[in-house]
Amino acid sequence: MPSPVADGGGLGRGPSATAPHKYSGPHYAGLRIGLLGGSFNPAHAGHRHISLHALKALKLDQVWWLVSPQNPLKPSRDMATLQERLAGARVVARHPRIRVTGLECSLGTRYTADTLAELIRRYPKTRFVWLMGADNLQQIPRWRHWTRIFRSMPIAVLSRPTYSLSALGGIAAQRFARRRVPDLRARELADAKPPAWTFLRNPLHPASATAIRRARARGS
């Protein structure tokens, strides 16, 4: 049985209606799944905005929000509990093809590279695409085994206000420049052999988790 933390709330229809958990690989065989990881502290409309864009631009069946127990690069002082962040994310997602899950908790992984390796092992017939904002493309060289992430599965980078240009000139983009897939072929990305990545020029959304937390602290 799945852990209550890993339960995505049963969103979805058809053969994939089971919420994703570490034993549900057969339910997602043959599907194209986008993985959006993060603290979601809190989840906001920007997360939903880029998820909906990714579903269409990459021809995905679903997007999973992987709510991290604790991002190693972020302080725990202002971090809401995992259960609070999962509950908030489910309220924001409100879409049958967006799943909210605490899979990392049940998998026992802490770093993205390890999480992706475990998902590939447990979901061998699912075609995953790692989704991340341009801000994370800029800072991914700080992540543990970051080149392994690029070699694990295709990656789609979504535009973020103020970050896009600097990210495309950064270490990661330059390191894998020859493996970049033109955005006009983004719908083929899930079938590409990694390393393969694309940059999606999605409409920008102003929402920021940091700004939301500051506003809450001020009581506004």
C-alpha atoms as a PDB file:
ATOM      1  CA  MET A   1       0.000   0.000   0.000  1.00  0.00           C
ATOM      2  CA  PRO A   2       1.272   3.535  -0.721  1.00  0.00           C
ATOM      3  CA  SER A   3       2.321   5.759   2.105  1.00  0.00           C
ATOM      4  CA  PRO A   4      -0.245   8.497   2.879  1.00  0.00           C
ATOM      5  CA  VAL A   5       2.545  10.998   2.201  1.00  0.00           C
ATOM      6  CA  ALA A   6       3.059   9.628  -1.291  1.00  0.00           C
ATOM      7  CA  ASP A   7      -0.622   9.694  -2.189  1.00  0.00           C
ATOM      8  CA  GLY A   8      -1.369  12.209  -4.923  1.00  0.00           C
ATOM      9  CA  GLY A   9      -5.040  12.391  -4.113  1.00  0.00           C
ATOM     10  CA  GLY A  10      -6.234  10.037  -6.849  1.00  0.00           C
ATOM     11  CA  LEU A  11      -6.378  12.721  -9.527  1.00  0.00           C
ATOM     12  CA  GLY A  12      -6.765  11.549 -13.085  1.00  0.00           C
ATOM     13  CA  ARG A  13      -8.805   9.231 -15.233  1.00  0.00           C
ATOM     14  CA  GLY A  14      -8.410   5.965 -17.130  1.00  0.00           C
ATOM     15  CA  PRO A  15      -5.720   3.308 -16.588  1.00  0.00           C
ATOM     16  CA  SER A  16      -3.442   5.750 -14.741  1.00  0.00           C
ATOM     17  CA  ALA A  17      -5.984   6.780 -12.115  1.00  0.00           C
ATOM     18  CA  THR A  18      -3.923   5.239  -9.287  1.00  0.00           C
ATOM     19  CA  ALA A  19      -1.968   7.905  -7.417  1.00  0.00           C
ATOM     20  CA  PRO A  20       1.797   7.543  -8.053  1.00  0.00           C
ATOM     21  CA  HIS A  21       3.736   5.691  -5.379  1.00  0.00           C
ATOM     22  CA  LYS A  22       6.835   3.534  -5.307  1.00  0.00           C
ATOM     23  CA  TYR A  23       4.959   0.343  -6.228  1.00  0.00           C
ATOM     24  CA  SER A  24       2.730   1.736  -8.988  1.00  0.00           C
ATOM     25  CA  GLY A  25       5.102   1.482 -11.955  1.00  0.00           C
ATOM     26  CA  PRO A  26       2.834  -0.818 -14.027  1.00  0.00           C
ATOM     27  CA  HIS A  27       0.002   1.736 -13.883  1.00  0.00           C
ATOM     28  CA  TYR A  28       2.114   4.281 -15.765  1.00  0.00           C
ATOM     29  CA  ALA A  29       3.694   2.054 -18.410  1.00  0.00           C
ATOM     30  CA  GLY A  30       3.888   3.823 -21.764  1.00  0.00           C
ATOM     31  CA  LEU A  31       2.938   7.236 -20.396  1.00  0.00           C
ATOM     32  CA  ARG A  32       4.905  10.461 -20.840  1.00  0.00           C
ATOM     33  CA  ILE A  33       5.321  12.074 -17.429  1.00  0.00           C
ATOM     34  CA  GLY A  34       6.827  15.453 -16.592  1.00  0.00           C
ATOM     35  CA  LEU A  35       8.504  15.669 -13.164  1.00  0.00           C
ATOM     36  CA  LEU A  36       8.496  19.037 -11.419  1.00  0.00           C
ATOM     37  CA  GLY A  37      10.494  18.878  -8.211  1.00  0.00           C
ATOM     38  CA  GLY A  38      10.785  21.457  -5.476  1.00  0.00           C
ATOM     39  CA  SER A  39       9.951  22.512  -1.957  1.00  0.00           C
ATOM     40  CA  PHE A  40       6.585  24.023  -2.960  1.00  0.00           C
ATOM     41  CA  ASN A  41       6.881  26.274   0.082  1.00  0.00           C
ATOM     42  CA  PRO A  42       4.222  27.203  -0.807  1.00  0.00           C
ATOM     43  CA  ALA A  43       2.866  25.940  -4.123  1.00  0.00           C
ATOM     44  CA  HIS A  44       1.496  28.809  -6.205  1.00  0.00           C
ATOM     45  CA  ALA A  45      -0.142  29.680  -9.512  1.00  0.00           C
ATOM     46  CA  GLY A  46       3.245  29.860 -11.224  1.00  0.00           C
ATOM     47  CA  HIS A  47       3.802  26.136 -10.643  1.00  0.00           C
ATOM     48  CA  ARG A  48       0.435  25.365 -12.192  1.00  0.00           C
ATOM     49  CA  HIS A  49       1.095  27.769 -15.066  1.00  0.00           C
ATOM     50  CA  ILE A  50       4.332  26.085 -16.152  1.00  0.00           C
ATOM     51  CA  SER A  51       2.852  22.616 -15.622  1.00  0.00           C
ATOM     52  CA  LEU A  52      -0.032  23.324 -17.976  1.00  0.00           C
ATOM     53  CA  HIS A  53       2.378  24.755 -20.537  1.00  0.00           C
ATOM     54  CA  ALA A  54       4.620  21.685 -20.276  1.00  0.00           C
ATOM     55  CA  LEU A  55       1.671  19.317 -20.723  1.00  0.00           C
ATOM     56  CA  LYS A  56       0.873  20.927 -24.063  1.00  0.00           C
ATOM     57  CA  ALA A  57       4.332  21.859 -25.344  1.00  0.00           C
ATOM     58  CA  LEU A  58       5.906  18.478 -24.557  1.00  0.00           C
ATOM     59  CA  LYS A  59       2.835  16.371 -25.361  1.00  0.00           C
ATOM     60  CA  LEU A  60       2.820  14.877 -21.851  1.00  0.00           C
ATOM     61  CA  ASP A  61       0.155  12.674 -20.322  1.00  0.00           C
ATOM     62  CA  GLN A  62       0.708  14.008 -16.795  1.00  0.00           C
ATOM     63  CA  VAL A  63       2.916  16.239 -14.669  1.00  0.00           C
ATOM     64  CA  TRP A  64       3.916  15.102 -11.189  1.00  0.00           C
ATOM     65  CA  TRP A  65       4.826  17.614  -8.529  1.00  0.00           C
ATOM     66  CA  LEU A  66       7.546  15.972  -6.440  1.00  0.00           C
ATOM     67  CA  VAL A  67       7.267  17.816  -3.138  1.00  0.00           C
ATOM     68  CA  SER A  68      10.669  17.501  -1.472  1.00  0.00           C
ATOM     69  CA  PRO A  69      10.877  16.610   2.238  1.00  0.00           C
ATOM     70  CA  GLN A  70      13.780  19.094   2.539  1.00  0.00           C
ATOM     71  CA  ASN A  71      15.822  20.703  -0.235  1.00  0.00           C
ATOM     72  CA  PRO A  72      19.508  20.350   0.791  1.00  0.00           C
ATOM     73  CA  LEU A  73      20.231  23.809  -0.647  1.00  0.00           C
ATOM     74  CA  LYS A  74      17.468  25.580   1.286  1.00  0.00           C
ATOM     75  CA  PRO A  75      17.274  26.397   5.012  1.00  0.00           C
ATOM     76  CA  SER A  76      14.764  24.446   7.069  1.00  0.00           C
ATOM     77  CA  ARG A  77      13.953  27.379   9.361  1.00  0.00           C
ATOM     78  CA  ASP A  78      11.093  28.792   7.267  1.00  0.00           C
ATOM     79  CA  MET A  79      10.030  25.456   5.765  1.00  0.00           C
ATOM     80  CA  ALA A  80       6.441  24.339   6.361  1.00  0.00           C
ATOM     81  CA  THR A  81       5.941  20.673   7.150  1.00  0.00           C
ATOM     82  CA  LEU A  82       5.778  18.208   4.279  1.00  0.00           C
ATOM     83  CA  GLN A  83       2.124  17.459   4.980  1.00  0.00           C
ATOM     84  CA  GLU A  84       1.259  21.179   4.922  1.00  0.00           C
ATOM     85  CA  ARG A  85       3.082  21.678   1.640  1.00  0.00           C
ATOM     86  CA  LEU A  86       1.446  18.617   0.076  1.00  0.00           C
ATOM     87  CA  ALA A  87      -2.002  19.815   1.147  1.00  0.00           C
ATOM     88  CA  GLY A  88      -1.355  23.314  -0.202  1.00  0.00           C
ATOM     89  CA  ALA A  89      -0.054  21.942  -3.492  1.00  0.00           C
ATOM     90  CA  ARG A  90      -3.172  19.837  -4.009  1.00  0.00           C
ATOM     91  CA  VAL A  91      -5.335  22.923  -3.574  1.00  0.00           C
ATOM     92  CA  VAL A  92      -3.288  24.847  -6.161  1.00  0.00           C
ATOM     93  CA  ALA A  93      -2.904  22.019  -8.717  1.00  0.00           C
ATOM     94  CA  ARG A  94      -6.657  21.369  -9.234  1.00  0.00           C
ATOM     95  CA  HIS A  95      -6.178  19.603 -12.567  1.00  0.00           C
ATOM     96  CA  PRO A  96      -6.805  15.935 -13.459  1.00  0.00           C
ATOM     97  CA  ARG A  97      -3.410  15.614 -15.163  1.00  0.00           C
ATOM     98  CA  ILE A  98      -1.313  17.218 -12.423  1.00  0.00           C
ATOM     99  CA  ARG A  99      -0.431  14.841  -9.583  1.00  0.00           C
ATOM    100  CA  VAL A 100       0.946  15.965  -6.231  1.00  0.00           C
ATOM    101  CA  THR A 101       3.155  13.434  -4.500  1.00  0.00           C
ATOM    102  CA  GLY A 102       5.683  13.041  -1.698  1.00  0.00           C
ATOM    103  CA  LEU A 103       7.431  10.178  -3.501  1.00  0.00           C
ATOM    104  CA  GLU A 104      10.887  11.249  -2.337  1.00  0.00           C
ATOM    105  CA  CYS A 105       9.848  10.610   1.248  1.00  0.00           C
ATOM    106  CA  SER A 106       8.716   7.051   0.557  1.00  0.00           C
ATOM    107  CA  LEU A 107      11.686   6.363  -1.744  1.00  0.00           C
ATOM    108  CA  GLY A 108      14.067   7.523   0.966  1.00  0.00           C
ATOM    109  CA  THR A 109      16.034   9.739  -1.431  1.00  0.00           C
ATOM    110  CA  ARG A 110      17.349  13.208  -0.684  1.00  0.00           C
ATOM    111  CA  TYR A 111      19.088  14.340  -3.868  1.00  0.00           C
ATOM    112  CA  THR A 112      17.470  14.753  -7.288  1.00  0.00           C
ATOM    113  CA  ALA A 113      19.983  12.494  -9.049  1.00  0.00           C
ATOM    114  CA  ASP A 114      19.138   9.657  -6.659  1.00  0.00           C
ATOM    115  CA  THR A 115      15.388  10.269  -6.925  1.00  0.00           C
ATOM    116  CA  LEU A 116      15.466  10.117 -10.723  1.00  0.00           C
ATOM    117  CA  ALA A 117      17.570   6.952 -10.710  1.00  0.00           C
ATOM    118  CA  GLU A 118      15.090   5.289  -8.358  1.00  0.00           C
ATOM    119  CA  LEU A 119      12.087   6.378 -10.431  1.00  0.00           C
ATOM    120  CA  ILE A 120      13.687   5.023 -13.598  1.00  0.00           C
ATOM    121  CA  ARG A 121      14.287   1.716 -11.812  1.00  0.00           C
ATOM    122  CA  ARG A 122      10.742   1.486 -10.461  1.00  0.00           C
ATOM    123  CA  TYR A 123       9.012   2.828 -13.606  1.00  0.00           C
ATOM    124  CA  PRO A 124      11.054   1.193 -16.393  1.00  0.00           C
ATOM    125  CA  LYS A 125       8.348   1.595 -19.042  1.00  0.00           C
ATOM    126  CA  THR A 126       7.471   5.236 -18.298  1.00  0.00           C
ATOM    127  CA  ARG A 127       9.009   8.057 -20.333  1.00  0.00           C
ATOM    128  CA  PHE A 128       9.974  10.770 -17.887  1.00  0.00           C
ATOM    129  CA  VAL A 129      10.980  14.393 -18.572  1.00  0.00           C
ATOM    130  CA  TRP A 130      12.568  16.452 -15.800  1.00  0.00           C
ATOM    131  CA  LEU A 131      11.016  19.939 -15.662  1.00  0.00           C
ATOM    132  CA  MET A 132      12.783  22.905 -14.125  1.00  0.00           C
ATOM    133  CA  GLY A 133      12.765  26.683 -14.265  1.00  0.00           C
ATOM    134  CA  ALA A 134      15.556  28.726 -15.812  1.00  0.00           C
ATOM    135  CA  ASP A 135      16.681  29.690 -12.292  1.00  0.00           C
ATOM    136  CA  ASN A 136      17.472  26.036 -11.585  1.00  0.00           C
ATOM    137  CA  LEU A 137      19.307  25.628 -14.888  1.00  0.00           C
ATOM    138  CA  GLN A 138      21.549  28.448 -13.695  1.00  0.00           C
ATOM    139  CA  GLN A 139      22.252  26.887 -10.307  1.00  0.00           C
ATOM    140  CA  ILE A 140      22.187  23.167 -11.168  1.00  0.00           C
ATOM    141  CA  PRO A 141      26.013  22.894 -11.146  1.00  0.00           C
ATOM    142  CA  ARG A 142      25.679  23.256  -7.354  1.00  0.00           C
ATOM    143  CA  TRP A 143      23.511  20.112  -7.216  1.00  0.00           C
ATOM    144  CA  ARG A 144      24.947  16.724  -6.247  1.00  0.00           C
ATOM    145  CA  HIS A 145      25.879  14.657  -9.336  1.00  0.00           C
ATOM    146  CA  TRP A 146      24.284  17.256 -11.599  1.00  0.00           C
ATOM    147  CA  THR A 147      25.681  15.856 -14.849  1.00  0.00           C
ATOM    148  CA  ARG A 148      24.097  12.522 -13.942  1.00  0.00           C
ATOM    149  CA  ILE A 149      20.715  14.278 -13.940  1.00  0.00           C
ATOM    150  CA  PHE A 150      21.266  15.362 -17.553  1.00  0.00           C
ATOM    151  CA  ARG A 151      22.234  11.817 -18.486  1.00  0.00           C
ATOM    152  CA  SER A 152      19.271  10.230 -16.653  1.00  0.00           C
ATOM    153  CA  MET A 153      16.351  11.610 -18.640  1.00  0.00           C
ATOM    154  CA  PRO A 154      15.409  14.426 -21.039  1.00  0.00           C
ATOM    155  CA  ILE A 155      15.112  17.879 -19.442  1.00  0.00           C
ATOM    156  CA  ALA A 156      12.780  20.754 -20.277  1.00  0.00           C
ATOM    157  CA  VAL A 157      13.743  24.193 -18.971  1.00  0.00           C
ATOM    158  CA  LEU A 158      10.936  26.712 -18.582  1.00  0.00           C
ATOM    159  CA  SER A 159      11.344  30.482 -18.745  1.00  0.00           C
ATOM    160  CA  ARG A 160      11.419  32.371 -15.452  1.00  0.00           C
ATOM    161  CA  PRO A 161      11.380  36.170 -15.080  1.00  0.00           C
ATOM    162  CA  THR A 162      14.919  37.683 -14.995  1.00  0.00           C
ATOM    163  CA  TYR A 163      16.722  34.312 -15.148  1.00  0.00           C
ATOM    164  CA  SER A 164      16.417  33.052 -18.717  1.00  0.00           C
ATOM    165  CA  LEU A 165      19.248  34.882 -20.466  1.00  0.00           C
ATOM    166  CA  SER A 166      21.820  34.309 -17.745  1.00  0.00           C
ATOM    167  CA  ALA A 167      20.812  30.646 -17.450  1.00  0.00           C
ATOM    168  CA  LEU A 168      21.327  30.024 -21.164  1.00  0.00           C
ATOM    169  CA  GLY A 169      24.829  31.440 -20.837  1.00  0.00           C
ATOM    170  CA  GLY A 170      25.609  29.397 -17.735  1.00  0.00           C
ATOM    171  CA  ILE A 171      27.779  26.363 -17.104  1.00  0.00           C
ATOM    172  CA  ALA A 172      25.106  23.699 -17.584  1.00  0.00           C
ATOM    173  CA  ALA A 173      23.713  25.130 -20.825  1.00  0.00           C
ATOM    174  CA  GLN A 174      27.206  25.458 -22.268  1.00  0.00           C
ATOM    175  CA  ARG A 175      28.283  21.990 -21.091  1.00  0.00           C
ATOM    176  CA  PHE A 176      25.377  20.332 -22.906  1.00  0.00           C
ATOM    177  CA  ALA A 177      24.951  22.853 -25.724  1.00  0.00           C
ATOM    178  CA  ARG A 178      25.275  20.190 -28.430  1.00  0.00           C
ATOM    179  CA  ARG A 179      22.459  18.151 -26.884  1.00  0.00           C
ATOM    180  CA  ARG A 180      19.922  20.962 -26.928  1.00  0.00           C
ATOM    181  CA  VAL A 181      16.718  20.121 -28.802  1.00  0.00           C
ATOM    182  CA  PRO A 182      15.141  23.045 -30.727  1.00  0.00           C
ATOM    183  CA  ASP A 183      11.912  24.199 -29.115  1.00  0.00           C
ATOM    184  CA  LEU A 184      10.089  23.459 -32.386  1.00  0.00           C
ATOM    185  CA  ARG A 185      10.810  19.777 -31.693  1.00  0.00           C
ATOM    186  CA  ALA A 186       9.885  19.906 -28.010  1.00  0.00           C
ATOM    187  CA  ARG A 187       6.995  17.469 -28.512  1.00  0.00           C
ATOM    188  CA  GLU A 188       9.601  14.793 -29.358  1.00  0.00           C
ATOM    189  CA  LEU A 189      11.674  15.375 -26.217  1.00  0.00           C
ATOM    190  CA  ALA A 190      10.162  12.547 -24.139  1.00  0.00           C
ATOM    191  CA  ASP A 191      11.352  10.076 -26.770  1.00  0.00           C
ATOM    192  CA  ALA A 192      14.885  11.482 -27.004  1.00  0.00           C
ATOM    193  CA  LYS A 193      17.899   9.617 -25.658  1.00  0.00           C
ATOM    194  CA  PRO A 194      19.526  11.611 -22.830  1.00  0.00           C
ATOM    195  CA  PRO A 195      21.371  13.825 -22.513  1.00  0.00           C
ATOM    196  CA  ALA A 196      18.756  15.905 -24.345  1.00  0.00           C
ATOM    197  CA  TRP A 197      17.217  19.169 -23.239  1.00  0.00           C
ATOM    198  CA  THR A 198      15.140  22.022 -24.557  1.00  0.00           C
ATOM    199  CA  PHE A 199      14.296  25.555 -23.496  1.00  0.00           C
ATOM    200  CA  LEU A 200      10.595  26.426 -23.583  1.00  0.00           C
ATOM    201  CA  ARG A 201       9.730  30.071 -24.157  1.00  0.00           C
ATOM    202  CA  ASN A 202       6.524  29.911 -22.151  1.00  0.00           C
ATOM    203  CA  PRO A 203       4.546  33.019 -21.162  1.00  0.00           C
ATOM    204  CA  LEU A 204       6.060  34.351 -17.929  1.00  0.00           C
ATOM    205  CA  HIS A 205       4.211  34.252 -14.624  1.00  0.00           C
ATOM    206  CA  PRO A 206       5.089  36.657 -11.761  1.00  0.00           C
ATOM    207  CA  ALA A 207       4.307  34.340  -8.813  1.00  0.00           C
ATOM    208  CA  SER A 208       7.159  33.657  -6.399  1.00  0.00           C
ATOM    209  CA  ALA A 209       7.170  31.424  -3.303  1.00  0.00           C
ATOM    210  CA  THR A 210       9.682  33.736  -1.638  1.00  0.00           C
ATOM    211  CA  ALA A 211       7.463  36.773  -2.222  1.00  0.00           C
ATOM    212  CA  ILE A 212       4.418  34.892  -0.900  1.00  0.00           C
ATOM    213  CA  ARG A 213       6.258  33.926   2.300  1.00  0.00           C
ATOM    214  CA  ARG A 214       7.412  37.525   2.831  1.00  0.00           C
ATOM    215  CA  ALA A 215       3.887  38.826   2.340  1.00  0.00           C
ATOM    216  CA  ARG A 216       2.551  36.311   4.843  1.00  0.00           C
ATOM    217  CA  ALA A 217       5.224  37.313   7.347  1.00  0.00           C
ATOM    218  CA  ARG A 218       4.107  40.951   7.001  1.00  0.00           C
ATOM    219  CA  GLY A 219       0.505  39.875   7.478  1.00  0.00           C
ATOM    220  CA  SER A 220      -0.530  41.230   4.079  1.00  0.00           C
END
